[in-house]
Amino acid sequence: MNRFEYMRRLEALLSDISPSEKEEALTYYNDYFNDAGQENEQQVIKELGSPEQVAAGVKEGLGLQSYERDAFEAVHFFMHIHAQKPQS
């Protein structure tokens, strides 16, 4: 599964929530992919879990708490990636 397929599946799974909540969630996860960079696409998919898992979290009404947790995990992920890059 690539980013496009992941986001398309997530969008379909979120079709039963309000348009504003859906847009907020899709924007958040799209930005997550953008921040990681194309070269880390598969790692991001692995870190996030399946679109079904992400959609379930959104639907559970975790709201801001879920996004804060994901942001913390994203920071941890990027620090890990940065630490592995050779310094020039």
N, C-alpha and C. Protein backbone atom coordinates (compact mmCIF):
# COMPACT_ATOMS: atom_id res chain seq x y z
N MET A 1 0.85 -1.17 0.00
CA MET A 1 0.00 0.00 0.00
C MET A 1 0.89 1.24 0.00
N ASN A 2 0.57 2.20 -0.85
CA ASN A 2 1.32 3.44 -0.86
C ASN A 2 0.50 4.55 -0.19
N ARG A 3 1.09 5.73 -0.13
CA ARG A 3 0.44 6.87 0.54
C ARG A 3 -0.93 7.18 -0.07
N PHE A 4 -1.01 7.23 -1.38
CA PHE A 4 -2.26 7.56 -2.05
C PHE A 4 -3.34 6.56 -1.69
N GLU A 5 -3.02 5.28 -1.75
CA GLU A 5 -3.98 4.23 -1.40
C GLU A 5 -4.39 4.33 0.08
N TYR A 6 -3.40 4.60 0.94
CA TYR A 6 -3.66 4.73 2.37
C TYR A 6 -4.65 5.86 2.63
N MET A 7 -4.37 7.03 2.06
CA MET A 7 -5.21 8.19 2.30
C MET A 7 -6.60 8.02 1.67
N ARG A 8 -6.67 7.39 0.52
CA ARG A 8 -7.96 7.14 -0.13
C ARG A 8 -8.80 6.19 0.72
N ARG A 9 -8.17 5.17 1.27
CA ARG A 9 -8.87 4.22 2.14
C ARG A 9 -9.33 4.91 3.42
N LEU A 10 -8.45 5.73 4.00
CA LEU A 10 -8.81 6.45 5.22
C LEU A 10 -10.00 7.38 4.96
N GLU A 11 -9.98 8.07 3.85
CA GLU A 11 -11.09 8.96 3.49
C GLU A 11 -12.40 8.17 3.39
N ALA A 12 -12.36 7.03 2.76
CA ALA A 12 -13.57 6.20 2.64
C ALA A 12 -14.06 5.75 4.01
N LEU A 13 -13.14 5.37 4.88
CA LEU A 13 -13.52 4.90 6.21
C LEU A 13 -14.08 6.01 7.08
N LEU A 14 -13.74 7.25 6.76
CA LEU A 14 -14.22 8.39 7.54
C LEU A 14 -15.46 9.03 6.92
N SER A 15 -16.05 8.38 5.94
CA SER A 15 -17.19 8.97 5.23
C SER A 15 -18.41 9.16 6.11
N ASP A 16 -18.45 8.51 7.26
CA ASP A 16 -19.62 8.62 8.13
C ASP A 16 -19.45 9.60 9.30
N ILE A 17 -18.40 10.42 9.26
CA ILE A 17 -18.26 11.46 10.28
C ILE A 17 -18.49 12.82 9.62
N SER A 18 -18.58 13.85 10.42
CA SER A 18 -18.88 15.17 9.87
C SER A 18 -17.79 15.60 8.88
N PRO A 19 -18.17 16.36 7.87
CA PRO A 19 -17.18 16.81 6.89
C PRO A 19 -16.02 17.58 7.51
N SER A 20 -16.30 18.39 8.52
CA SER A 20 -15.21 19.17 9.13
C SER A 20 -14.25 18.27 9.91
N GLU A 21 -14.77 17.27 10.63
CA GLU A 21 -13.91 16.33 11.34
C GLU A 21 -13.09 15.49 10.36
N LYS A 22 -13.74 15.08 9.30
CA LYS A 22 -13.05 14.28 8.27
C LYS A 22 -11.93 15.10 7.64
N GLU A 23 -12.22 16.33 7.29
CA GLU A 23 -11.19 17.19 6.67
C GLU A 23 -10.03 17.44 7.62
N GLU A 24 -10.34 17.66 8.89
CA GLU A 24 -9.28 17.89 9.88
C GLU A 24 -8.38 16.66 10.00
N ALA A 25 -8.99 15.48 10.08
CA ALA A 25 -8.22 14.25 10.20
C ALA A 25 -7.38 14.00 8.94
N LEU A 26 -7.98 14.16 7.77
CA LEU A 26 -7.25 13.92 6.52
C LEU A 26 -6.10 14.90 6.36
N THR A 27 -6.33 16.15 6.72
CA THR A 27 -5.26 17.15 6.64
C THR A 27 -4.13 16.79 7.58
N TYR A 28 -4.48 16.38 8.79
CA TYR A 28 -3.47 16.00 9.77
C TYR A 28 -2.58 14.87 9.24
N TYR A 29 -3.20 13.81 8.75
CA TYR A 29 -2.41 12.65 8.30
C TYR A 29 -1.69 12.93 6.98
N ASN A 30 -2.26 13.76 6.14
CA ASN A 30 -1.56 14.16 4.92
C ASN A 30 -0.31 14.97 5.28
N ASP A 31 -0.44 15.88 6.23
CA ASP A 31 0.72 16.65 6.70
C ASP A 31 1.76 15.73 7.33
N TYR A 32 1.31 14.73 8.02
CA TYR A 32 2.21 13.74 8.63
C TYR A 32 3.09 13.10 7.56
N PHE A 33 2.46 12.68 6.47
CA PHE A 33 3.22 12.11 5.35
C PHE A 33 4.16 13.15 4.74
N ASN A 34 3.67 14.37 4.55
CA ASN A 34 4.51 15.42 3.97
C ASN A 34 5.74 15.68 4.81
N ASP A 35 5.54 15.78 6.12
CA ASP A 35 6.66 16.06 7.02
C ASP A 35 7.70 14.95 7.01
N ALA A 36 7.26 13.73 6.86
CA ALA A 36 8.18 12.59 6.87
C ALA A 36 8.99 12.51 5.58
N GLY A 37 8.41 12.96 4.48
CA GLY A 37 9.09 12.88 3.20
C GLY A 37 8.77 11.58 2.48
N GLN A 38 8.80 11.66 1.18
CA GLN A 38 8.45 10.51 0.34
C GLN A 38 9.32 9.29 0.62
N GLU A 39 10.57 9.53 0.97
CA GLU A 39 11.47 8.40 1.21
C GLU A 39 11.10 7.60 2.46
N ASN A 40 10.27 8.17 3.32
CA ASN A 40 9.87 7.49 4.56
C ASN A 40 8.41 7.04 4.54
N GLU A 41 7.80 7.03 3.37
CA GLU A 41 6.38 6.71 3.23
C GLU A 41 6.01 5.37 3.86
N GLN A 42 6.76 4.33 3.56
CA GLN A 42 6.43 3.01 4.11
C GLN A 42 6.63 2.96 5.62
N GLN A 43 7.62 3.66 6.12
CA GLN A 43 7.84 3.71 7.57
C GLN A 43 6.68 4.42 8.27
N VAL A 44 6.18 5.49 7.66
CA VAL A 44 5.03 6.21 8.22
C VAL A 44 3.81 5.30 8.27
N ILE A 45 3.57 4.58 7.20
CA ILE A 45 2.43 3.66 7.16
C ILE A 45 2.56 2.62 8.27
N LYS A 46 3.76 2.12 8.46
CA LYS A 46 4.00 1.15 9.53
C LYS A 46 3.76 1.79 10.90
N GLU A 47 4.25 3.00 11.10
CA GLU A 47 4.10 3.70 12.38
C GLU A 47 2.64 4.01 12.69
N LEU A 48 1.88 4.43 11.69
CA LEU A 48 0.49 4.82 11.90
C LEU A 48 -0.42 3.62 12.13
N GLY A 49 -0.08 2.50 11.55
CA GLY A 49 -0.99 1.36 11.56
C GLY A 49 -1.90 1.43 10.36
N SER A 50 -2.83 0.53 10.29
CA SER A 50 -3.71 0.45 9.12
C SER A 50 -4.66 1.64 9.08
N PRO A 51 -5.19 1.96 7.90
CA PRO A 51 -6.20 3.00 7.81
C PRO A 51 -7.40 2.69 8.71
N GLU A 52 -7.71 1.42 8.86
CA GLU A 52 -8.82 1.01 9.73
C GLU A 52 -8.54 1.38 11.18
N GLN A 53 -7.30 1.20 11.61
CA GLN A 53 -6.93 1.56 12.98
C GLN A 53 -7.00 3.07 13.18
N VAL A 54 -6.49 3.82 12.22
CA VAL A 54 -6.51 5.27 12.32
C VAL A 54 -7.95 5.77 12.33
N ALA A 55 -8.78 5.26 11.43
CA ALA A 55 -10.18 5.67 11.37
C ALA A 55 -10.90 5.35 12.67
N ALA A 56 -10.61 4.19 13.24
CA ALA A 56 -11.24 3.81 14.51
C ALA A 56 -10.87 4.80 15.61
N GLY A 57 -9.61 5.21 15.64
CA GLY A 57 -9.17 6.19 16.63
C GLY A 57 -9.87 7.52 16.47
N VAL A 58 -10.01 7.95 15.24
CA VAL A 58 -10.70 9.21 14.97
C VAL A 58 -12.16 9.10 15.41
N LYS A 59 -12.79 8.00 15.06
CA LYS A 59 -14.21 7.81 15.37
C LYS A 59 -14.48 7.63 16.85
N GLU A 60 -13.53 7.15 17.58
CA GLU A 60 -13.71 6.98 19.02
C GLU A 60 -13.82 8.31 19.74
N GLY A 61 -13.65 9.38 19.00
CA GLY A 61 -13.79 10.69 19.61
C GLY A 61 -12.59 11.09 20.44
N LEU A 62 -11.42 10.55 20.09
CA LEU A 62 -10.23 10.90 20.84
C LEU A 62 -9.84 12.35 20.61
N GLY A 63 -10.30 12.91 19.51
CA GLY A 63 -10.08 14.33 19.22
C GLY A 63 -8.67 14.79 19.46
N LEU A 64 -8.55 15.88 20.19
CA LEU A 64 -7.26 16.53 20.41
C LEU A 64 -6.27 15.61 21.11
N GLN A 65 -6.75 14.81 22.07
CA GLN A 65 -5.84 13.90 22.77
C GLN A 65 -5.16 12.95 21.80
N SER A 66 -5.91 12.42 20.83
CA SER A 66 -5.34 11.51 19.84
C SER A 66 -4.30 12.23 18.99
N TYR A 67 -4.62 13.44 18.56
CA TYR A 67 -3.68 14.19 17.73
C TYR A 67 -2.42 14.55 18.51
N GLU A 68 -2.58 14.86 19.80
CA GLU A 68 -1.41 15.17 20.62
C GLU A 68 -0.52 13.94 20.75
N ARG A 69 -1.12 12.77 20.96
CA ARG A 69 -0.34 11.54 21.06
C ARG A 69 0.38 11.27 19.75
N ASP A 70 -0.34 11.41 18.64
CA ASP A 70 0.26 11.19 17.33
C ASP A 70 1.39 12.17 17.07
N ALA A 71 1.20 13.42 17.49
CA ALA A 71 2.26 14.42 17.31
C ALA A 71 3.50 14.03 18.10
N PHE A 72 3.31 13.56 19.33
CA PHE A 72 4.43 13.10 20.14
C PHE A 72 5.15 11.95 19.45
N GLU A 73 4.39 11.00 18.94
CA GLU A 73 4.99 9.87 18.24
C GLU A 73 5.71 10.32 16.97
N ALA A 74 5.16 11.32 16.28
CA ALA A 74 5.79 11.83 15.07
C ALA A 74 7.13 12.48 15.40
N VAL A 75 7.17 13.26 16.48
CA VAL A 75 8.42 13.91 16.90
C VAL A 75 9.45 12.84 17.23
N HIS A 76 9.04 11.83 17.96
CA HIS A 76 9.95 10.73 18.30
C HIS A 76 10.47 10.05 17.04
N PHE A 77 9.58 9.79 16.07
CA PHE A 77 9.95 9.15 14.82
C PHE A 77 10.98 9.99 14.06
N PHE A 78 10.74 11.30 13.93
CA PHE A 78 11.64 12.16 13.18
C PHE A 78 12.99 12.31 13.88
N MET A 79 12.99 12.32 15.20
CA MET A 79 14.26 12.37 15.93
C MET A 79 15.05 11.10 15.66
N HIS A 80 14.36 9.96 15.60
CA HIS A 80 15.02 8.69 15.31
C HIS A 80 15.61 8.70 13.89
N ILE A 81 14.83 9.16 12.93
CA ILE A 81 15.29 9.23 11.53
C ILE A 81 16.50 10.17 11.41
N HIS A 82 16.39 11.33 12.06
CA HIS A 82 17.47 12.32 11.99
C HIS A 82 18.76 11.76 12.61
N ALA A 83 18.63 11.02 13.70
CA ALA A 83 19.80 10.46 14.36
C ALA A 83 20.50 9.43 13.48
N GLN A 84 19.77 8.81 12.55
CA GLN A 84 20.35 7.80 11.68
C GLN A 84 21.02 8.38 10.45
N LYS A 85 20.69 9.65 10.11
CA LYS A 85 21.27 10.26 8.91
C LYS A 85 22.74 10.61 9.17
N PRO A 86 23.59 10.33 8.20
CA PRO A 86 24.99 10.73 8.35
C PRO A 86 25.10 12.26 8.34
N GLN A 87 25.89 12.78 9.24
CA GLN A 87 26.11 14.22 9.32
C GLN A 87 27.16 14.64 8.30
N SER A 88 26.88 15.74 7.59
CA SER A 88 27.85 16.20 6.59
C SER A 88 28.59 17.42 7.04
